[in-house]
Full PDB file with SEQRES, HELIX, SHEET, SSBOND, CRYST1, ORIGX, SCALE, CONECT and MASTER records, all heavy atoms in Angstrom:
SEQRES   1 A   30  VAL LEU ALA GLN PHE GLY ASN GLY GLY PHE PRO ALA LEU          
SEQRES   2 A   30  GLU ARG PHE LEU ASP GLY LYS VAL PRO ALA ASP GLN ARG          
SEQRES   3 A   30  GLN THR VAL ALA                                              
HELIX    1 AA1 LEU A    2  GLY A    6  1                                   5    
HELIX    2 AA2 PHE A   10  LYS A   20  1                                  11    
HELIX    3 AA3 ALA A   23  GLN A   25  5                                   3    
HELIX    4 AA4 ARG A   26  VAL A   29  1                                   4    
CRYST1    1.000    1.000    1.000  90.00  90.00  90.00 P 1           1          
ORIGX1      1.000000  0.000000  0.000000        0.00000                         
ORIGX2      0.000000  1.000000  0.000000        0.00000                         
ORIGX3      0.000000  0.000000  1.000000        0.00000                         
SCALE1      1.000000  0.000000  0.000000        0.00000                         
SCALE2      0.000000  1.000000  0.000000        0.00000                         
SCALE3      0.000000  0.000000  1.000000        0.00000                         
ATOM      1  N   VAL A   1       0.818  -1.195   0.022  1.00  0.00           N  
ATOM      2  CA  VAL A   1       0.014   0.007  -0.041  1.00  0.00           C  
ATOM      3  C   VAL A   1       0.875   1.251  -0.022  1.00  0.00           C  
ATOM      4  O   VAL A   1       0.616   2.225  -0.763  1.00  0.00           O  
ATOM      5  CB  VAL A   1      -0.976  -0.030   1.209  1.00  0.00           C  
ATOM      6  CG1 VAL A   1      -1.651   1.330   1.367  1.00  0.00           C  
ATOM      7  CG2 VAL A   1      -1.958  -1.099   1.088  1.00  0.00           C  
ATOM      8  N   LEU A   2       1.938   1.261   0.797  1.00  0.00           N  
ATOM      9  CA  LEU A   2       2.842   2.421   0.843  1.00  0.00           C  
ATOM     10  C   LEU A   2       3.509   2.582  -0.498  1.00  0.00           C  
ATOM     11  O   LEU A   2       3.719   3.781  -1.003  1.00  0.00           O  
ATOM     12  CB  LEU A   2       3.889   2.254   1.950  1.00  0.00           C  
ATOM     13  CG  LEU A   2       3.396   2.452   3.372  1.00  0.00           C  
ATOM     14  CD1 LEU A   2       4.494   2.034   4.349  1.00  0.00           C  
ATOM     15  CD2 LEU A   2       3.065   3.925   3.566  1.00  0.00           C  
ATOM     16  N   ALA A   3       3.880   1.515  -1.149  1.00  0.00           N  
ATOM     17  CA  ALA A   3       4.528   1.603  -2.482  1.00  0.00           C  
ATOM     18  C   ALA A   3       3.596   2.183  -3.496  1.00  0.00           C  
ATOM     19  O   ALA A   3       3.995   3.028  -4.309  1.00  0.00           O  
ATOM     20  CB  ALA A   3       5.042   0.192  -2.883  1.00  0.00           C  
ATOM     21  N   GLN A   4       2.344   1.668  -3.544  1.00  0.00           N  
ATOM     22  CA  GLN A   4       1.397   2.212  -4.503  1.00  0.00           C  
ATOM     23  C   GLN A   4       1.090   3.667  -4.248  1.00  0.00           C  
ATOM     24  O   GLN A   4       1.038   4.460  -5.166  1.00  0.00           O  
ATOM     25  CB  GLN A   4       0.090   1.369  -4.438  1.00  0.00           C  
ATOM     26  CG  GLN A   4       0.193  -0.084  -4.888  1.00  0.00           C  
ATOM     27  CD  GLN A   4       0.625  -0.143  -6.389  1.00  0.00           C  
ATOM     28  OE1 GLN A   4       0.367   0.704  -7.168  1.00  0.00           O  
ATOM     29  NE2 GLN A   4       1.355  -1.234  -6.694  1.00  0.00           N  
ATOM     30  N   PHE A   5       0.944   4.052  -2.977  1.00  0.00           N  
ATOM     31  CA  PHE A   5       0.681   5.446  -2.594  1.00  0.00           C  
ATOM     32  C   PHE A   5       1.879   6.297  -3.004  1.00  0.00           C  
ATOM     33  O   PHE A   5       1.709   7.418  -3.521  1.00  0.00           O  
ATOM     34  CB  PHE A   5       0.453   5.575  -1.140  1.00  0.00           C  
ATOM     35  CG  PHE A   5       0.091   6.990  -0.675  1.00  0.00           C  
ATOM     36  CD1 PHE A   5      -1.200   7.450  -0.880  1.00  0.00           C  
ATOM     37  CD2 PHE A   5       1.031   7.758  -0.098  1.00  0.00           C  
ATOM     38  CE1 PHE A   5      -1.521   8.735  -0.478  1.00  0.00           C  
ATOM     39  CE2 PHE A   5       0.689   9.057   0.307  1.00  0.00           C  
ATOM     40  CZ  PHE A   5      -0.622   9.602   0.098  1.00  0.00           C  
ATOM     41  N   GLY A   6       3.095   5.812  -2.836  1.00  0.00           N  
ATOM     42  CA  GLY A   6       4.268   6.552  -3.227  1.00  0.00           C  
ATOM     43  C   GLY A   6       4.494   6.674  -4.667  1.00  0.00           C  
ATOM     44  O   GLY A   6       5.287   7.478  -5.150  1.00  0.00           O  
ATOM     45  N   ASN A   7       3.726   5.925  -5.529  1.00  0.00           N  
ATOM     46  CA  ASN A   7       3.854   6.046  -6.938  1.00  0.00           C  
ATOM     47  C   ASN A   7       2.811   7.036  -7.550  1.00  0.00           C  
ATOM     48  O   ASN A   7       2.821   7.207  -8.788  1.00  0.00           O  
ATOM     49  CB  ASN A   7       3.547   4.678  -7.628  1.00  0.00           C  
ATOM     50  CG  ASN A   7       4.739   3.727  -7.388  1.00  0.00           C  
ATOM     51  OD1 ASN A   7       5.847   4.173  -7.217  1.00  0.00           O  
ATOM     52  ND2 ASN A   7       4.454   2.399  -7.363  1.00  0.00           N  
ATOM     53  N   GLY A   8       2.016   7.631  -6.754  1.00  0.00           N  
ATOM     54  CA  GLY A   8       1.082   8.584  -7.329  1.00  0.00           C  
ATOM     55  C   GLY A   8      -0.053   8.970  -6.403  1.00  0.00           C  
ATOM     56  O   GLY A   8      -1.062   9.502  -6.833  1.00  0.00           O  
ATOM     57  N   GLY A   9       0.028   8.652  -5.168  1.00  0.00           N  
ATOM     58  CA  GLY A   9      -1.037   9.035  -4.188  1.00  0.00           C  
ATOM     59  C   GLY A   9      -2.254   8.192  -4.339  1.00  0.00           C  
ATOM     60  O   GLY A   9      -2.265   7.082  -4.765  1.00  0.00           O  
ATOM     61  N   PHE A  10      -3.350   8.820  -3.941  1.00  0.00           N  
ATOM     62  CA  PHE A  10      -4.639   8.134  -4.009  1.00  0.00           C  
ATOM     63  C   PHE A  10      -5.039   7.701  -5.409  1.00  0.00           C  
ATOM     64  O   PHE A  10      -5.611   6.592  -5.599  1.00  0.00           O  
ATOM     65  CB  PHE A  10      -5.784   8.980  -3.406  1.00  0.00           C  
ATOM     66  CG  PHE A  10      -5.637   9.112  -1.911  1.00  0.00           C  
ATOM     67  CD1 PHE A  10      -5.550  10.399  -1.343  1.00  0.00           C  
ATOM     68  CD2 PHE A  10      -5.593   8.026  -1.086  1.00  0.00           C  
ATOM     69  CE1 PHE A  10      -5.463  10.515   0.030  1.00  0.00           C  
ATOM     70  CE2 PHE A  10      -5.483   8.131   0.280  1.00  0.00           C  
ATOM     71  CZ  PHE A  10      -5.414   9.390   0.842  1.00  0.00           C  
ATOM     72  N   PRO A  11      -4.779   8.496  -6.469  1.00  0.00           N  
ATOM     73  CA  PRO A  11      -5.134   8.038  -7.811  1.00  0.00           C  
ATOM     74  C   PRO A  11      -4.383   6.762  -8.171  1.00  0.00           C  
ATOM     75  O   PRO A  11      -4.958   5.872  -8.908  1.00  0.00           O  
ATOM     76  CB  PRO A  11      -4.745   9.163  -8.680  1.00  0.00           C  
ATOM     77  CG  PRO A  11      -4.856  10.378  -7.853  1.00  0.00           C  
ATOM     78  CD  PRO A  11      -4.389   9.922  -6.452  1.00  0.00           C  
ATOM     79  N   ALA A  12      -3.077   6.541  -7.705  1.00  0.00           N  
ATOM     80  CA  ALA A  12      -2.384   5.279  -7.976  1.00  0.00           C  
ATOM     81  C   ALA A  12      -3.048   4.157  -7.308  1.00  0.00           C  
ATOM     82  O   ALA A  12      -3.150   3.033  -7.893  1.00  0.00           O  
ATOM     83  CB  ALA A  12      -0.923   5.478  -7.543  1.00  0.00           C  
ATOM     84  N   LEU A  13      -3.449   4.299  -6.078  1.00  0.00           N  
ATOM     85  CA  LEU A  13      -4.162   3.213  -5.342  1.00  0.00           C  
ATOM     86  C   LEU A  13      -5.467   2.917  -6.102  1.00  0.00           C  
ATOM     87  O   LEU A  13      -5.863   1.758  -6.171  1.00  0.00           O  
ATOM     88  CB  LEU A  13      -4.434   3.670  -3.886  1.00  0.00           C  
ATOM     89  CG  LEU A  13      -3.255   3.489  -2.911  1.00  0.00           C  
ATOM     90  CD1 LEU A  13      -3.697   4.075  -1.581  1.00  0.00           C  
ATOM     91  CD2 LEU A  13      -2.944   2.015  -2.774  1.00  0.00           C  
ATOM     92  N   GLU A  14      -6.167   3.951  -6.569  1.00  0.00           N  
ATOM     93  CA  GLU A  14      -7.405   3.749  -7.291  1.00  0.00           C  
ATOM     94  C   GLU A  14      -7.156   2.892  -8.566  1.00  0.00           C  
ATOM     95  O   GLU A  14      -7.884   1.952  -8.848  1.00  0.00           O  
ATOM     96  CB  GLU A  14      -8.013   5.084  -7.678  1.00  0.00           C  
ATOM     97  CG  GLU A  14      -9.331   5.017  -8.289  1.00  0.00           C  
ATOM     98  CD  GLU A  14     -10.505   5.006  -7.297  1.00  0.00           C  
ATOM     99  OE1 GLU A  14     -10.205   5.095  -6.116  1.00  0.00           O  
ATOM    100  OE2 GLU A  14     -11.611   4.910  -7.726  1.00  0.00           O  
ATOM    101  N   ARG A  15      -6.075   3.231  -9.276  1.00  0.00           N  
ATOM    102  CA  ARG A  15      -5.798   2.453 -10.510  1.00  0.00           C  
ATOM    103  C   ARG A  15      -5.389   1.007 -10.184  1.00  0.00           C  
ATOM    104  O   ARG A  15      -5.808   0.086 -10.920  1.00  0.00           O  
ATOM    105  CB  ARG A  15      -4.695   3.140 -11.247  1.00  0.00           C  
ATOM    106  CG  ARG A  15      -5.079   4.463 -11.887  1.00  0.00           C  
ATOM    107  CD  ARG A  15      -3.983   4.995 -12.840  1.00  0.00           C  
ATOM    108  NE  ARG A  15      -2.760   5.278 -12.138  1.00  0.00           N  
ATOM    109  CZ  ARG A  15      -2.436   6.450 -11.612  1.00  0.00           C  
ATOM    110  NH1 ARG A  15      -3.272   7.467 -11.710  1.00  0.00           N  
ATOM    111  NH2 ARG A  15      -1.304   6.598 -11.012  1.00  0.00           N  
ATOM    112  N   PHE A  16      -4.697   0.865  -9.027  1.00  0.00           N  
ATOM    113  CA  PHE A  16      -4.329  -0.528  -8.626  1.00  0.00           C  
ATOM    114  C   PHE A  16      -5.598  -1.333  -8.312  1.00  0.00           C  
ATOM    115  O   PHE A  16      -5.677  -2.527  -8.729  1.00  0.00           O  
ATOM    116  CB  PHE A  16      -3.399  -0.407  -7.421  1.00  0.00           C  
ATOM    117  CG  PHE A  16      -3.048  -1.764  -6.856  1.00  0.00           C  
ATOM    118  CD1 PHE A  16      -2.079  -2.587  -7.452  1.00  0.00           C  
ATOM    119  CD2 PHE A  16      -3.655  -2.239  -5.717  1.00  0.00           C  
ATOM    120  CE1 PHE A  16      -1.763  -3.767  -6.983  1.00  0.00           C  
ATOM    121  CE2 PHE A  16      -3.380  -3.442  -5.145  1.00  0.00           C  
ATOM    122  CZ  PHE A  16      -2.351  -4.242  -5.832  1.00  0.00           C  
ATOM    123  N   LEU A  17      -6.533  -0.766  -7.613  1.00  0.00           N  
ATOM    124  CA  LEU A  17      -7.753  -1.489  -7.271  1.00  0.00           C  
ATOM    125  C   LEU A  17      -8.552  -1.825  -8.511  1.00  0.00           C  
ATOM    126  O   LEU A  17      -9.094  -2.932  -8.659  1.00  0.00           O  
ATOM    127  CB  LEU A  17      -8.624  -0.646  -6.344  1.00  0.00           C  
ATOM    128  CG  LEU A  17      -8.162  -0.540  -4.886  1.00  0.00           C  
ATOM    129  CD1 LEU A  17      -9.069   0.298  -4.081  1.00  0.00           C  
ATOM    130  CD2 LEU A  17      -7.968  -1.908  -4.235  1.00  0.00           C  
ATOM    131  N   ASP A  18      -8.641  -0.902  -9.451  1.00  0.00           N  
ATOM    132  CA  ASP A  18      -9.393  -1.068 -10.662  1.00  0.00           C  
ATOM    133  C   ASP A  18      -8.787  -2.224 -11.500  1.00  0.00           C  
ATOM    134  O   ASP A  18      -9.587  -2.969 -12.230  1.00  0.00           O  
ATOM    135  CB  ASP A  18      -9.441   0.176 -11.502  1.00  0.00           C  
ATOM    136  CG  ASP A  18     -10.309   1.236 -10.817  1.00  0.00           C  
ATOM    137  OD1 ASP A  18     -11.103   0.893  -9.898  1.00  0.00           O  
ATOM    138  OD2 ASP A  18     -10.174   2.455 -11.151  1.00  0.00           O  
ATOM    139  N   GLY A  19      -7.481  -2.398 -11.412  1.00  0.00           N  
ATOM    140  CA  GLY A  19      -6.872  -3.416 -12.225  1.00  0.00           C  
ATOM    141  C   GLY A  19      -6.763  -4.800 -11.609  1.00  0.00           C  
ATOM    142  O   GLY A  19      -6.614  -5.770 -12.263  1.00  0.00           O  
ATOM    143  N   LYS A  20      -6.835  -4.882 -10.219  1.00  0.00           N  
ATOM    144  CA  LYS A  20      -6.567  -6.131  -9.492  1.00  0.00           C  
ATOM    145  C   LYS A  20      -7.768  -6.660  -8.818  1.00  0.00           C  
ATOM    146  O   LYS A  20      -7.796  -7.844  -8.453  1.00  0.00           O  
ATOM    147  CB  LYS A  20      -5.374  -5.895  -8.552  1.00  0.00           C  
ATOM    148  CG  LYS A  20      -4.110  -5.443  -9.135  1.00  0.00           C  
ATOM    149  CD  LYS A  20      -3.490  -6.491 -10.046  1.00  0.00           C  
ATOM    150  CE  LYS A  20      -2.099  -6.099 -10.582  1.00  0.00           C  
ATOM    151  NZ  LYS A  20      -1.518  -7.126 -11.503  1.00  0.00           N  
ATOM    152  N   VAL A  21      -8.734  -5.814  -8.394  1.00  0.00           N  
ATOM    153  CA  VAL A  21      -9.805  -6.199  -7.516  1.00  0.00           C  
ATOM    154  C   VAL A  21     -11.129  -6.199  -8.312  1.00  0.00           C  
ATOM    155  O   VAL A  21     -11.444  -5.248  -8.982  1.00  0.00           O  
ATOM    156  CB  VAL A  21      -9.878  -5.307  -6.319  1.00  0.00           C  
ATOM    157  CG1 VAL A  21     -11.049  -5.704  -5.378  1.00  0.00           C  
ATOM    158  CG2 VAL A  21      -8.543  -5.266  -5.585  1.00  0.00           C  
ATOM    159  N   PRO A  22     -11.901  -7.266  -8.144  1.00  0.00           N  
ATOM    160  CA  PRO A  22     -13.269  -7.256  -8.775  1.00  0.00           C  
ATOM    161  C   PRO A  22     -14.088  -6.050  -8.354  1.00  0.00           C  
ATOM    162  O   PRO A  22     -13.936  -5.531  -7.212  1.00  0.00           O  
ATOM    163  CB  PRO A  22     -13.885  -8.558  -8.343  1.00  0.00           C  
ATOM    164  CG  PRO A  22     -12.762  -9.474  -8.002  1.00  0.00           C  
ATOM    165  CD  PRO A  22     -11.693  -8.559  -7.485  1.00  0.00           C  
ATOM    166  N   ALA A  23     -14.981  -5.602  -9.219  1.00  0.00           N  
ATOM    167  CA  ALA A  23     -15.722  -4.373  -9.004  1.00  0.00           C  
ATOM    168  C   ALA A  23     -16.553  -4.489  -7.738  1.00  0.00           C  
ATOM    169  O   ALA A  23     -16.672  -3.498  -6.961  1.00  0.00           O  
ATOM    170  CB  ALA A  23     -16.595  -4.093 -10.202  1.00  0.00           C  
ATOM    171  N   ASP A  24     -17.177  -5.639  -7.452  1.00  0.00           N  
ATOM    172  CA  ASP A  24     -18.033  -5.740  -6.294  1.00  0.00           C  
ATOM    173  C   ASP A  24     -17.294  -5.754  -4.995  1.00  0.00           C  
ATOM    174  O   ASP A  24     -17.905  -5.649  -3.904  1.00  0.00           O  
ATOM    175  CB  ASP A  24     -18.911  -6.972  -6.394  1.00  0.00           C  
ATOM    176  CG  ASP A  24     -18.051  -8.259  -6.497  1.00  0.00           C  
ATOM    177  OD1 ASP A  24     -16.865  -8.155  -6.842  1.00  0.00           O  
ATOM    178  OD2 ASP A  24     -18.657  -9.334  -6.323  1.00  0.00           O  
ATOM    179  N   GLN A  25     -15.922  -5.888  -5.020  1.00  0.00           N  
ATOM    180  CA  GLN A  25     -15.163  -5.914  -3.789  1.00  0.00           C  
ATOM    181  C   GLN A  25     -14.275  -4.708  -3.586  1.00  0.00           C  
ATOM    182  O   GLN A  25     -13.600  -4.562  -2.567  1.00  0.00           O  
ATOM    183  CB  GLN A  25     -14.247  -7.173  -3.787  1.00  0.00           C  
ATOM    184  CG  GLN A  25     -14.979  -8.485  -3.926  1.00  0.00           C  
ATOM    185  CD  GLN A  25     -14.042  -9.693  -3.955  1.00  0.00           C  
ATOM    186  OE1 GLN A  25     -12.868  -9.533  -3.618  1.00  0.00           O  
ATOM    187  NE2 GLN A  25     -14.557 -10.834  -4.361  1.00  0.00           N  
ATOM    188  N   ARG A  26     -14.349  -3.776  -4.522  1.00  0.00           N  
ATOM    189  CA  ARG A  26     -13.418  -2.639  -4.496  1.00  0.00           C  
ATOM    190  C   ARG A  26     -13.674  -1.729  -3.309  1.00  0.00           C  
ATOM    191  O   ARG A  26     -12.733  -1.256  -2.675  1.00  0.00           O  
ATOM    192  CB  ARG A  26     -13.479  -1.827  -5.794  1.00  0.00           C  
ATOM    193  CG  ARG A  26     -12.820  -2.580  -6.979  1.00  0.00           C  
ATOM    194  CD  ARG A  26     -13.101  -1.825  -8.260  1.00  0.00           C  
ATOM    195  NE  ARG A  26     -12.694  -2.612  -9.408  1.00  0.00           N  
ATOM    196  CZ  ARG A  26     -13.005  -2.372 -10.675  1.00  0.00           C  
ATOM    197  NH1 ARG A  26     -13.728  -1.295 -10.933  1.00  0.00           N  
ATOM    198  NH2 ARG A  26     -12.604  -3.131 -11.657  1.00  0.00           N  
ATOM    199  N   GLN A  27     -14.923  -1.482  -3.025  1.00  0.00           N  
ATOM    200  CA  GLN A  27     -15.176  -0.569  -1.941  1.00  0.00           C  
ATOM    201  C   GLN A  27     -14.749  -1.062  -0.586  1.00  0.00           C  
ATOM    202  O   GLN A  27     -14.130  -0.357   0.215  1.00  0.00           O  
ATOM    203  CB  GLN A  27     -16.728  -0.273  -1.859  1.00  0.00           C  
ATOM    204  CG  GLN A  27     -17.095   0.800  -0.944  1.00  0.00           C  
ATOM    205  CD  GLN A  27     -16.533   2.159  -1.323  1.00  0.00           C  
ATOM    206  OE1 GLN A  27     -16.375   2.469  -2.524  1.00  0.00           O  
ATOM    207  NE2 GLN A  27     -16.195   3.026  -0.342  1.00  0.00           N  
ATOM    208  N   THR A  28     -14.931  -2.417  -0.379  1.00  0.00           N  
ATOM    209  CA  THR A  28     -14.450  -3.052   0.900  1.00  0.00           C  
ATOM    210  C   THR A  28     -12.981  -3.018   0.974  1.00  0.00           C  
ATOM    211  O   THR A  28     -12.396  -2.710   2.002  1.00  0.00           O  
ATOM    212  CB  THR A  28     -14.955  -4.468   0.960  1.00  0.00           C  
ATOM    213  OG1 THR A  28     -16.424  -4.422   0.850  1.00  0.00           O  
ATOM    214  CG2 THR A  28     -14.608  -5.152   2.248  1.00  0.00           C  
ATOM    215  N   VAL A  29     -12.306  -3.391  -0.117  1.00  0.00           N  
ATOM    216  CA  VAL A  29     -10.829  -3.425  -0.157  1.00  0.00           C  
ATOM    217  C   VAL A  29     -10.281  -1.996   0.023  1.00  0.00           C  
ATOM    218  O   VAL A  29      -9.281  -1.775   0.723  1.00  0.00           O  
ATOM    219  CB  VAL A  29     -10.332  -4.073  -1.423  1.00  0.00           C  
ATOM    220  CG1 VAL A  29      -8.808  -3.984  -1.506  1.00  0.00           C  
ATOM    221  CG2 VAL A  29     -10.781  -5.526  -1.538  1.00  0.00           C  
ATOM    222  N   ALA A  30     -10.957  -1.025  -0.586  1.00  0.00           N  
ATOM    223  CA  ALA A  30     -10.515   0.361  -0.488  1.00  0.00           C  
ATOM    224  C   ALA A  30     -10.564   0.862   0.973  1.00  0.00           C  
ATOM    225  O   ALA A  30      -9.612   1.480   1.433  1.00  0.00           O  
ATOM    226  CB  ALA A  30     -11.322   1.253  -1.381  1.00  0.00           C  
TER     227      ALA A  30                                                      
MASTER        0    0    0    4    0    0    0    6  226    1    0    3          
END                                                                             
């Protein structure tokens, strides 16, 4: 999580979730 945040802040974490986590689970994982 720190690495993803360090690559671009919250938008980088958002892109990571969109690419790795199913849509119905993204809010919980976020």
